[in-house]
Amino acid sequence: MSKHNFAFLYPFFAIVLWAGNVIVSRLSAHTIGPQAITFYRLLLAVLLMTLFVARPAWRNRAAIWPHLGQFVILGFLAMCLFQSLSYLAAETTTATSMAVFTAR
C-alpha cells in the first residue's frame, strides 16, 4: 500500500500523543513534582531530537545564530513554563478539564 493511504493517521497520532500527555500529567501529579517531570521530559526530548537535528542544525548554524535568543525565549515559554503550569494544575483538576482548557 502507498504511504498516502495512511496519511489520515498522522493527525490521529498527534491527538493520541496529546491526550496521552494530559492523562500522564494527571496520573503523575502526586507522584513527581511539576518541575522534575518538566526537566525529565525536556531532557528526553533534547536527547531524542539531537539524533535527528544536530547535524542539519550545525550545517545551518549561520542562519540559526541570529535567532538563537528568540528560540531560547520561545522554548522556555512553550516547554518549561507551560508544561510546569500544566503539571501544577494537574494536582487540582481532572484530565478532562486540562484537555478542554489546553485545546482552546
Protein backbone atom coordinates (compact mmCIF):
# COMPACT_ATOMS: atom_id res chain seq x y z
CA MET A 1 0.00 0.00 0.00
CA SER A 2 1.06 3.52 -0.65
CA LYS A 3 2.13 5.76 2.20
CA HIS A 4 -0.53 8.25 1.09
CA ASN A 5 -3.24 5.76 2.07
CA PHE A 6 -2.21 6.11 5.70
CA ALA A 7 -1.79 9.90 5.72
CA PHE A 8 -5.04 10.32 7.63
CA LEU A 9 -3.45 8.55 10.61
CA TYR A 10 -0.91 11.33 11.27
CA PRO A 11 -3.43 13.73 12.82
CA PHE A 12 -4.86 10.82 14.80
CA PHE A 13 -1.42 10.00 16.24
CA ALA A 14 -0.92 13.66 17.16
CA ILE A 15 -4.23 13.66 19.06
CA VAL A 16 -3.38 10.38 20.80
CA LEU A 17 0.01 11.72 21.90
CA TRP A 18 -1.54 14.98 23.12
CA ALA A 19 -4.29 13.17 25.03
CA GLY A 20 -1.76 10.75 26.47
CA ASN A 21 0.29 13.67 27.73
CA VAL A 22 -2.72 15.09 29.58
CA ILE A 23 -3.57 11.73 31.12
CA VAL A 24 0.03 11.09 32.21
CA SER A 25 0.16 14.61 33.66
CA ARG A 26 -2.89 13.89 35.77
CA LEU A 27 -1.76 10.42 36.87
CA SER A 28 1.70 11.61 37.88
CA ALA A 29 0.53 14.79 39.61
CA HIS A 30 1.01 13.49 43.16
CA THR A 31 3.93 11.19 42.39
CA ILE A 32 6.54 13.53 40.94
CA GLY A 33 6.85 17.30 41.18
CA PRO A 34 5.96 19.55 38.23
CA GLN A 35 9.50 20.87 37.88
CA ALA A 36 11.01 17.38 37.92
CA ILE A 37 8.66 15.96 35.31
CA THR A 38 9.24 19.02 33.10
CA PHE A 39 13.01 18.59 33.43
CA TYR A 40 12.95 14.89 32.58
CA ARG A 41 10.55 15.43 29.71
CA LEU A 42 12.77 18.15 28.23
CA LEU A 43 15.88 16.05 28.75
CA LEU A 44 14.31 13.12 26.91
CA ALA A 45 13.09 15.41 24.10
CA VAL A 46 16.52 17.02 23.68
CA LEU A 47 18.27 13.64 23.60
CA LEU A 48 15.83 12.23 21.03
CA MET A 49 15.77 15.34 18.85
CA THR A 50 19.57 15.60 18.88
CA LEU A 51 19.70 12.38 16.89
CA PHE A 52 17.75 13.97 14.05
CA VAL A 53 18.52 17.68 14.31
CA ALA A 54 22.16 18.06 15.40
CA ARG A 55 23.85 17.60 12.03
CA PRO A 56 21.45 19.79 9.96
CA ALA A 57 21.46 22.46 12.69
CA TRP A 58 25.25 22.55 12.67
CA ARG A 59 25.30 22.91 8.87
CA ASN A 60 22.84 25.82 9.10
CA ARG A 61 24.32 27.46 12.21
CA ALA A 62 24.94 30.73 10.35
CA ALA A 63 21.20 31.09 9.73
CA ILE A 64 20.24 29.89 13.23
CA TRP A 65 22.66 32.03 15.24
CA PRO A 66 20.92 35.42 14.75
CA HIS A 67 17.63 33.94 16.00
CA LEU A 68 19.04 31.93 18.92
CA GLY A 69 17.70 34.35 21.55
CA GLN A 70 14.19 34.04 20.15
CA PHE A 71 14.44 30.25 20.14
CA VAL A 72 15.53 30.24 23.79
CA ILE A 73 12.69 32.55 24.90
CA LEU A 74 10.04 30.69 22.90
CA GLY A 75 11.37 27.34 24.06
CA PHE A 76 11.23 28.47 27.68
CA LEU A 77 7.69 29.78 27.34
CA ALA A 78 6.37 26.84 25.36
CA MET A 79 8.06 23.96 27.10
CA CYS A 80 9.24 24.96 30.55
CA LEU A 81 6.63 27.43 31.70
CA PHE A 82 3.57 25.93 30.01
CA GLN A 83 4.36 22.34 30.95
CA SER A 84 5.27 23.23 34.53
CA LEU A 85 2.00 25.09 34.95
CA SER A 86 0.09 22.22 33.32
CA TYR A 87 1.61 19.69 35.70
CA LEU A 88 0.92 22.00 38.62
CA ALA A 89 -2.72 22.31 37.52
CA ALA A 90 -2.94 18.52 37.28
CA GLU A 91 -2.72 18.36 41.06
CA THR A 92 -6.08 20.11 41.46
CA THR A 93 -8.21 19.32 38.40
CA THR A 94 -9.29 16.43 36.19
CA ALA A 95 -7.65 15.31 32.97
CA THR A 96 -10.81 16.28 31.08
CA SER A 97 -10.67 19.85 32.38
CA MET A 98 -7.00 20.08 31.46
CA ALA A 99 -7.66 18.78 27.94
CA VAL A 100 -10.53 21.20 27.35
CA PHE A 101 -8.55 24.16 28.65
CA THR A 102 -5.46 23.37 26.57
CA ALA A 103 -7.48 22.73 23.44
CA ARG A 104 -8.90 26.26 23.49
